[in-house]
Amino acid sequence: MSLISKLIGKEITKICGEVFFESIEFIGENFKDIDILRFNIFFNDLNITFEVDSTGEGIVLSQDKPLKNVDMEEYGIIRIRDLTNFLNLKDFKSLKVTNIFYVMYKSITAGYAFVFDDEMFVILNWGDQLLCFNNLPDYISNDGYTLSNID
């Protein structure tokens, strides 16, 4: 059984991410979704990390890979932030994942779509950036991204 298929029936308890800030002075100010570098989704008994793959086109997930605070000096700073409210996902907390789809672009797994009853939460690699949506937007579907069943 693949790691992604193990998530069906699990509850999301929290979502965190590594967020890029230009300097320490800007920490705590508003940030944009494009500033989120990696996501950790916490389920009942699993912690799954989502990040852009080495080609920049796909998405990689791994289990129990911790996020890190990083000081890159004059190049910026990365801090771990709870993203549950930022991503408007508070409604998904405590809901069980009923289905999961791959988000495919050509033959590349570019993301995942989590289904909770009538709701969907999508994590997608869009041009070397991880973005989240409450559904797969039409402009992304029209660009050739499709949903595909997992194993």
C-alpha atoms as a PDB file:
ATOM      1  CA  MET A   1       0.000   0.000   0.000  1.00  0.00           C
ATOM      2  CA  SER A   2       1.444   3.384  -0.987  1.00  0.00           C
ATOM      3  CA  LEU A   3       1.972   6.147   1.547  1.00  0.00           C
ATOM      4  CA  ILE A   4      -0.699   8.342  -0.044  1.00  0.00           C
ATOM      5  CA  SER A   5      -3.333   5.590   0.035  1.00  0.00           C
ATOM      6  CA  LYS A   6      -2.679   5.114   3.786  1.00  0.00           C
ATOM      7  CA  LEU A   7      -4.172   8.589   4.355  1.00  0.00           C
ATOM      8  CA  ILE A   8      -7.698   7.571   3.386  1.00  0.00           C
ATOM      9  CA  GLY A   9      -9.821   7.492   6.526  1.00  0.00           C
ATOM     10  CA  LYS A  10      -7.377   9.697   8.484  1.00  0.00           C
ATOM     11  CA  GLU A  11      -8.223  13.063  10.073  1.00  0.00           C
ATOM     12  CA  ILE A  12      -6.188  16.189   9.386  1.00  0.00           C
ATOM     13  CA  THR A  13      -5.193  17.701  12.707  1.00  0.00           C
ATOM     14  CA  LYS A  14      -2.850  20.511  11.622  1.00  0.00           C
ATOM     15  CA  ILE A  15      -1.030  21.957   8.607  1.00  0.00           C
ATOM     16  CA  CYS A  16       2.324  23.702   8.941  1.00  0.00           C
ATOM     17  CA  GLY A  17       4.772  25.061   6.415  1.00  0.00           C
ATOM     18  CA  GLU A  18       8.176  26.552   5.902  1.00  0.00           C
ATOM     19  CA  VAL A  19       7.590  30.213   5.044  1.00  0.00           C
ATOM     20  CA  PHE A  20      10.203  32.480   3.449  1.00  0.00           C
ATOM     21  CA  PHE A  21      10.673  36.015   4.774  1.00  0.00           C
ATOM     22  CA  GLU A  22      13.090  38.553   3.301  1.00  0.00           C
ATOM     23  CA  SER A  23      14.549  39.360   6.712  1.00  0.00           C
ATOM     24  CA  ILE A  24      13.947  38.864  10.406  1.00  0.00           C
ATOM     25  CA  GLU A  25      12.237  42.280  10.551  1.00  0.00           C
ATOM     26  CA  PHE A  26       9.371  40.953   8.399  1.00  0.00           C
ATOM     27  CA  ILE A  27       8.622  37.846  10.465  1.00  0.00           C
ATOM     28  CA  GLY A  28       5.084  38.013  11.746  1.00  0.00           C
ATOM     29  CA  GLU A  29       3.890  40.251   8.930  1.00  0.00           C
ATOM     30  CA  ASN A  30       1.521  38.944   6.322  1.00  0.00           C
ATOM     31  CA  PHE A  31       2.994  36.574   3.799  1.00  0.00           C
ATOM     32  CA  LYS A  32       1.757  35.213   0.482  1.00  0.00           C
ATOM     33  CA  ASP A  33       1.043  31.638  -0.491  1.00  0.00           C
ATOM     34  CA  ILE A  34       4.018  31.774  -2.877  1.00  0.00           C
ATOM     35  CA  ASP A  35       6.275  32.243   0.171  1.00  0.00           C
ATOM     36  CA  ILE A  36       5.421  28.736   1.449  1.00  0.00           C
ATOM     37  CA  LEU A  37       8.246  26.369   0.536  1.00  0.00           C
ATOM     38  CA  ARG A  38       7.129  23.030   2.033  1.00  0.00           C
ATOM     39  CA  PHE A  39       3.974  21.750   3.715  1.00  0.00           C
ATOM     40  CA  ASN A  40       3.565  19.304   6.568  1.00  0.00           C
ATOM     41  CA  ILE A  41       0.106  17.848   6.995  1.00  0.00           C
ATOM     42  CA  PHE A  42      -0.452  16.178  10.341  1.00  0.00           C
ATOM     43  CA  PHE A  43      -2.927  13.323  10.452  1.00  0.00           C
ATOM     44  CA  ASN A  44      -3.915  11.256  13.505  1.00  0.00           C
ATOM     45  CA  ASP A  45      -0.738   9.206  13.517  1.00  0.00           C
ATOM     46  CA  LEU A  46       1.180  10.419  10.442  1.00  0.00           C
ATOM     47  CA  ASN A  47       3.106  13.515   9.468  1.00  0.00           C
ATOM     48  CA  ILE A  48       3.448  13.941   5.692  1.00  0.00           C
ATOM     49  CA  THR A  49       5.725  16.506   4.018  1.00  0.00           C
ATOM     50  CA  PHE A  50       4.968  17.829   0.526  1.00  0.00           C
ATOM     51  CA  GLU A  51       7.661  19.565  -1.508  1.00  0.00           C
ATOM     52  CA  VAL A  52       8.649  20.334  -5.092  1.00  0.00           C
ATOM     53  CA  ASP A  53      10.660  17.522  -6.689  1.00  0.00           C
ATOM     54  CA  SER A  54      14.182  17.898  -8.073  1.00  0.00           C
ATOM     55  CA  THR A  55      12.892  18.601 -11.618  1.00  0.00           C
ATOM     56  CA  GLY A  56      10.743  21.494 -10.396  1.00  0.00           C
ATOM     57  CA  GLU A  57       7.670  20.022 -12.112  1.00  0.00           C
ATOM     58  CA  GLY A  58       6.438  17.301  -9.789  1.00  0.00           C
ATOM     59  CA  ILE A  59       5.701  16.910  -6.116  1.00  0.00           C
ATOM     60  CA  VAL A  60       7.344  14.633  -3.574  1.00  0.00           C
ATOM     61  CA  LEU A  61       5.884  13.435  -0.324  1.00  0.00           C
ATOM     62  CA  SER A  62       7.665  11.829   2.563  1.00  0.00           C
ATOM     63  CA  GLN A  63       6.753  10.641   6.008  1.00  0.00           C
ATOM     64  CA  ASP A  64       8.034  12.242   9.213  1.00  0.00           C
ATOM     65  CA  LYS A  65      10.394  14.686   7.498  1.00  0.00           C
ATOM     66  CA  PRO A  66      10.575  17.644   9.866  1.00  0.00           C
ATOM     67  CA  LEU A  67      10.363  21.245   8.731  1.00  0.00           C
ATOM     68  CA  LYS A  68      13.255  23.510   9.675  1.00  0.00           C
ATOM     69  CA  ASN A  69      13.810  27.127  10.649  1.00  0.00           C
ATOM     70  CA  VAL A  70      16.704  28.414   8.523  1.00  0.00           C
ATOM     71  CA  ASP A  71      18.652  31.680   8.680  1.00  0.00           C
ATOM     72  CA  MET A  72      20.172  32.427   5.272  1.00  0.00           C
ATOM     73  CA  GLU A  73      21.618  35.732   6.485  1.00  0.00           C
ATOM     74  CA  GLU A  74      21.322  38.392   3.740  1.00  0.00           C
ATOM     75  CA  TYR A  75      19.269  36.015   1.557  1.00  0.00           C
ATOM     76  CA  GLY A  76      16.349  35.776   3.962  1.00  0.00           C
ATOM     77  CA  ILE A  77      14.957  33.586   6.666  1.00  0.00           C
ATOM     78  CA  ILE A  78      12.662  30.556   6.729  1.00  0.00           C
ATOM     79  CA  ARG A  79      10.311  30.003   9.661  1.00  0.00           C
ATOM     80  CA  ILE A  80       7.810  27.269  10.443  1.00  0.00           C
ATOM     81  CA  ARG A  81       4.242  28.569  10.645  1.00  0.00           C
ATOM     82  CA  ASP A  82       0.885  26.948  11.388  1.00  0.00           C
ATOM     83  CA  LEU A  83      -0.976  27.372   8.089  1.00  0.00           C
ATOM     84  CA  THR A  84      -4.337  25.888   9.025  1.00  0.00           C
ATOM     85  CA  ASN A  85      -6.066  29.272   9.356  1.00  0.00           C
ATOM     86  CA  PHE A  86      -3.979  31.011   6.675  1.00  0.00           C
ATOM     87  CA  LEU A  87      -5.103  28.482   4.074  1.00  0.00           C
ATOM     88  CA  ASN A  88      -8.729  28.650   5.261  1.00  0.00           C
ATOM     89  CA  LEU A  89      -8.527  25.003   6.258  1.00  0.00           C
ATOM     90  CA  LYS A  90     -10.012  25.230   9.730  1.00  0.00           C
ATOM     91  CA  ASP A  91     -13.171  23.679   8.264  1.00  0.00           C
ATOM     92  CA  PHE A  92     -11.184  20.581   7.256  1.00  0.00           C
ATOM     93  CA  LYS A  93      -9.800  19.897  10.713  1.00  0.00           C
ATOM     94  CA  SER A  94     -11.313  16.755  12.206  1.00  0.00           C
ATOM     95  CA  LEU A  95     -12.788  15.664   8.867  1.00  0.00           C
ATOM     96  CA  LYS A  96     -11.740  12.293   7.534  1.00  0.00           C
ATOM     97  CA  VAL A  97     -10.164  11.934   4.105  1.00  0.00           C
ATOM     98  CA  THR A  98     -12.657   9.931   2.031  1.00  0.00           C
ATOM     99  CA  ASN A  99     -10.677   9.847  -1.228  1.00  0.00           C
ATOM    100  CA  ILE A 100      -7.420  11.080  -2.745  1.00  0.00           C
ATOM    101  CA  PHE A 101      -6.576  11.832  -6.372  1.00  0.00           C
ATOM    102  CA  TYR A 102      -3.296  12.493  -8.099  1.00  0.00           C
ATOM    103  CA  VAL A 103      -3.172  15.819  -9.906  1.00  0.00           C
ATOM    104  CA  MET A 104      -1.412  14.914 -13.145  1.00  0.00           C
ATOM    105  CA  TYR A 105       0.265  17.128 -15.708  1.00  0.00           C
ATOM    106  CA  LYS A 106       1.146  15.014 -18.712  1.00  0.00           C
ATOM    107  CA  SER A 107       2.778  11.998 -17.032  1.00  0.00           C
ATOM    108  CA  ILE A 108       3.990  13.924 -13.969  1.00  0.00           C
ATOM    109  CA  THR A 109       2.370  13.779 -10.529  1.00  0.00           C
ATOM    110  CA  ALA A 110       2.108  17.523  -9.907  1.00  0.00           C
ATOM    111  CA  GLY A 111      -0.085  17.387  -6.804  1.00  0.00           C
ATOM    112  CA  TYR A 112      -2.700  15.676  -4.698  1.00  0.00           C
ATOM    113  CA  ALA A 113      -6.392  16.339  -4.155  1.00  0.00           C
ATOM    114  CA  PHE A 114      -7.837  15.298  -0.790  1.00  0.00           C
ATOM    115  CA  VAL A 115     -11.600  14.760  -0.665  1.00  0.00           C
ATOM    116  CA  PHE A 116     -13.668  15.190   2.518  1.00  0.00           C
ATOM    117  CA  ASP A 117     -17.336  14.422   1.908  1.00  0.00           C
ATOM    118  CA  ASP A 118     -18.283  17.301  -0.460  1.00  0.00           C
ATOM    119  CA  GLU A 119     -15.082  19.328  -0.035  1.00  0.00           C
ATOM    120  CA  MET A 120     -11.707  19.114  -1.745  1.00  0.00           C
ATOM    121  CA  PHE A 121      -8.262  20.367  -0.732  1.00  0.00           C
ATOM    122  CA  VAL A 122      -5.579  20.458  -3.455  1.00  0.00           C
ATOM    123  CA  ILE A 123      -1.802  20.813  -3.046  1.00  0.00           C
ATOM    124  CA  LEU A 124      -0.207  21.509  -6.418  1.00  0.00           C
ATOM    125  CA  ASN A 125       3.241  22.236  -7.825  1.00  0.00           C
ATOM    126  CA  TRP A 126       2.506  25.159 -10.121  1.00  0.00           C
ATOM    127  CA  GLY A 127       5.660  26.334 -11.854  1.00  0.00           C
ATOM    128  CA  ASP A 128       8.086  25.326  -9.073  1.00  0.00           C
ATOM    129  CA  GLN A 129       5.813  26.669  -6.311  1.00  0.00           C
ATOM    130  CA  LEU A 130       3.505  24.753  -4.008  1.00  0.00           C
ATOM    131  CA  LEU A 131       0.017  26.214  -3.981  1.00  0.00           C
ATOM    132  CA  CYS A 132      -3.204  25.161  -2.229  1.00  0.00           C
ATOM    133  CA  PHE A 133      -6.775  25.377  -3.450  1.00  0.00           C
ATOM    134  CA  ASN A 134     -10.183  24.319  -2.157  1.00  0.00           C
ATOM    135  CA  ASN A 135     -10.887  22.804  -5.596  1.00  0.00           C
ATOM    136  CA  LEU A 136      -8.922  22.381  -8.811  1.00  0.00           C
ATOM    137  CA  PRO A 137      -9.408  25.799 -10.478  1.00  0.00           C
ATOM    138  CA  ASP A 138     -10.673  25.931 -14.059  1.00  0.00           C
ATOM    139  CA  TYR A 139      -7.606  27.813 -15.278  1.00  0.00           C
ATOM    140  CA  ILE A 140      -5.427  24.931 -14.064  1.00  0.00           C
ATOM    141  CA  SER A 141      -7.703  22.256 -15.562  1.00  0.00           C
ATOM    142  CA  ASN A 142      -7.740  24.203 -18.828  1.00  0.00           C
ATOM    143  CA  ASP A 143      -3.928  24.164 -18.801  1.00  0.00           C
ATOM    144  CA  GLY A 144      -3.880  20.350 -18.963  1.00  0.00           C
ATOM    145  CA  TYR A 145      -3.897  19.336 -15.286  1.00  0.00           C
ATOM    146  CA  THR A 146      -6.237  16.427 -14.557  1.00  0.00           C
ATOM    147  CA  LEU A 147      -7.340  14.342 -11.575  1.00  0.00           C
ATOM    148  CA  SER A 148      -6.419  10.668 -11.652  1.00  0.00           C
ATOM    149  CA  ASN A 149      -7.318   7.841  -9.244  1.00  0.00           C
ATOM    150  CA  ILE A 150      -4.633   6.603  -6.897  1.00  0.00           C
ATOM    151  CA  ASP A 151      -3.613   2.912  -6.822  1.00  0.00           C
END
